[in-house]
């Protein structure tokens, strides 16, 4: 049995889901550099509202510490007509997310290009 002092000093070994899906600062910098501050689907400039979006949804365990799982999209997700709404709420958008995920994995793992 652990004393209260031992319990308060211990650290959690396994990270919680929120810690795995949270988009890290290093990934944010990488995605902004990769996208040039523009939407990675339509190319709108950052003067529009931009949001980081998981390609594999956070609710499905999509990692936030992998730049191949995060894209910069014009948003918000709840506004019809934005790329973030398209990616999250349409069948074509879900297909686009999987294609983009494959491109980004090839880009980071294989040294390919995004074209």
Protein backbone atom coordinates (compact mmCIF):
# COMPACT_ATOMS: atom_id res chain seq x y z
CA UNK A 1 0.00 0.00 0.00
CA UNK A 2 1.27 3.49 -0.93
CA UNK A 3 1.34 6.38 1.52
CA UNK A 4 -0.31 9.67 0.54
CA UNK A 5 3.13 11.24 0.06
CA UNK A 6 4.14 8.48 -2.38
CA UNK A 7 0.88 8.89 -4.30
CA UNK A 8 1.35 12.64 -4.69
CA UNK A 9 4.96 12.30 -5.87
CA UNK A 10 4.33 9.63 -8.49
CA UNK A 11 3.80 10.46 -12.14
CA UNK A 12 1.44 8.79 -14.55
CA UNK A 13 3.24 6.23 -16.73
CA UNK A 14 0.74 5.89 -19.55
CA UNK A 15 -0.41 9.17 -21.17
CA UNK A 16 -4.11 9.99 -21.27
CA UNK A 17 -5.91 10.23 -24.61
CA UNK A 18 -5.98 14.03 -24.46
CA UNK A 19 -2.21 14.09 -24.18
CA UNK A 20 -1.85 11.91 -27.28
CA UNK A 21 -4.29 13.85 -29.46
CA UNK A 22 -3.20 17.36 -28.41
CA UNK A 23 -1.43 19.16 -31.25
CA UNK A 24 2.07 20.00 -30.03
CA UNK A 25 3.87 23.31 -30.63
CA UNK A 26 6.52 21.61 -32.79
CA UNK A 27 3.83 20.14 -35.03
CA UNK A 28 2.06 23.52 -35.24
CA UNK A 29 5.31 25.16 -36.42
CA UNK A 30 5.95 22.37 -38.95
CA UNK A 31 2.40 22.57 -40.39
CA UNK A 32 2.53 26.38 -40.67
CA UNK A 33 5.91 26.14 -42.43
CA UNK A 34 4.69 23.37 -44.75
CA UNK A 35 1.46 25.19 -45.68
CA UNK A 36 2.91 28.69 -45.84
CA UNK A 37 -0.01 29.90 -43.71
CA UNK A 38 -2.55 29.01 -46.38
CA UNK A 39 -5.36 26.46 -46.39
CA UNK A 40 -3.93 23.16 -47.61
CA UNK A 41 -7.10 22.35 -49.53
CA UNK A 42 -8.23 25.57 -51.23
CA UNK A 43 -5.19 27.85 -50.79
CA UNK A 44 -6.93 30.74 -49.00
CA UNK A 45 -4.51 33.00 -47.16
CA UNK A 46 -4.27 33.14 -43.39
CA UNK A 47 -6.33 36.34 -43.24
CA UNK A 48 -9.26 33.92 -43.12
CA UNK A 49 -9.84 31.92 -39.95
CA UNK A 50 -7.44 28.99 -40.06
CA UNK A 51 -7.58 25.90 -37.87
CA UNK A 52 -5.36 22.88 -37.38
CA UNK A 53 -7.29 19.74 -38.22
CA UNK A 54 -6.59 16.06 -37.53
CA UNK A 55 -6.72 13.83 -40.61
CA UNK A 56 -7.44 10.82 -38.40
CA UNK A 57 -9.90 12.38 -35.97
CA UNK A 58 -8.84 12.92 -32.38
CA UNK A 59 -11.90 10.97 -31.26
CA UNK A 60 -10.54 8.01 -33.22
CA UNK A 61 -7.12 8.26 -31.60
CA UNK A 62 -5.48 10.49 -34.21
CA UNK A 63 -2.08 11.63 -32.92
CA UNK A 64 -1.36 15.32 -32.48
CA UNK A 65 2.40 14.87 -32.30
CA UNK A 66 2.71 13.64 -35.91
CA UNK A 67 2.81 16.35 -38.61
CA UNK A 68 1.55 13.76 -41.12
CA UNK A 69 -1.78 13.71 -39.25
CA UNK A 70 -2.36 17.49 -39.05
CA UNK A 71 -3.36 19.92 -41.81
CA UNK A 72 -4.15 23.63 -41.85
CA UNK A 73 -7.68 24.27 -43.13
CA UNK A 74 -9.90 27.33 -43.37
CA UNK A 75 -12.57 26.99 -40.73
CA UNK A 76 -14.37 26.66 -38.45
CA UNK A 77 -15.67 23.14 -38.74
CA UNK A 78 -19.21 24.17 -37.82
CA UNK A 79 -19.51 26.75 -40.64
CA UNK A 80 -20.87 25.37 -43.90
CA UNK A 81 -18.68 26.11 -46.90
CA UNK A 82 -15.30 25.97 -45.19
CA UNK A 83 -12.69 23.34 -45.93
CA UNK A 84 -12.70 22.19 -42.29
CA UNK A 85 -16.47 21.58 -42.54
CA UNK A 86 -15.97 19.77 -45.86
CA UNK A 87 -13.28 17.50 -44.37
CA UNK A 88 -15.25 16.67 -41.21
CA UNK A 89 -18.84 16.40 -42.45
CA UNK A 90 -18.91 15.08 -46.03
CA UNK A 91 -18.13 11.74 -47.62
CA UNK A 92 -15.90 13.41 -50.23
CA UNK A 93 -14.11 15.22 -47.41
CA UNK A 94 -13.41 12.00 -45.54
CA UNK A 95 -11.98 10.52 -48.75
CA UNK A 96 -9.85 13.68 -49.22
CA UNK A 97 -8.53 13.32 -45.65
CA UNK A 98 -7.37 9.75 -46.30
CA UNK A 99 -5.70 10.74 -49.60
CA UNK A 100 -3.98 13.67 -47.88
CA UNK A 101 -2.87 11.39 -45.03
CA UNK A 102 -1.22 9.05 -47.57
CA UNK A 103 0.51 12.00 -49.32
CA UNK A 104 1.81 13.40 -46.03
CA UNK A 105 3.06 10.00 -44.84
CA UNK A 106 4.96 9.58 -48.12
CA UNK A 107 6.29 13.13 -47.75
CA UNK A 108 7.61 12.59 -44.21
CA UNK A 109 8.63 8.94 -44.39
CA UNK A 110 9.66 8.58 -48.00
CA UNK A 111 11.06 12.04 -48.67
CA UNK A 112 8.59 12.59 -51.50
CA UNK A 113 6.81 15.77 -52.54
CA UNK A 114 3.29 16.99 -51.82
CA UNK A 115 2.39 17.52 -55.49
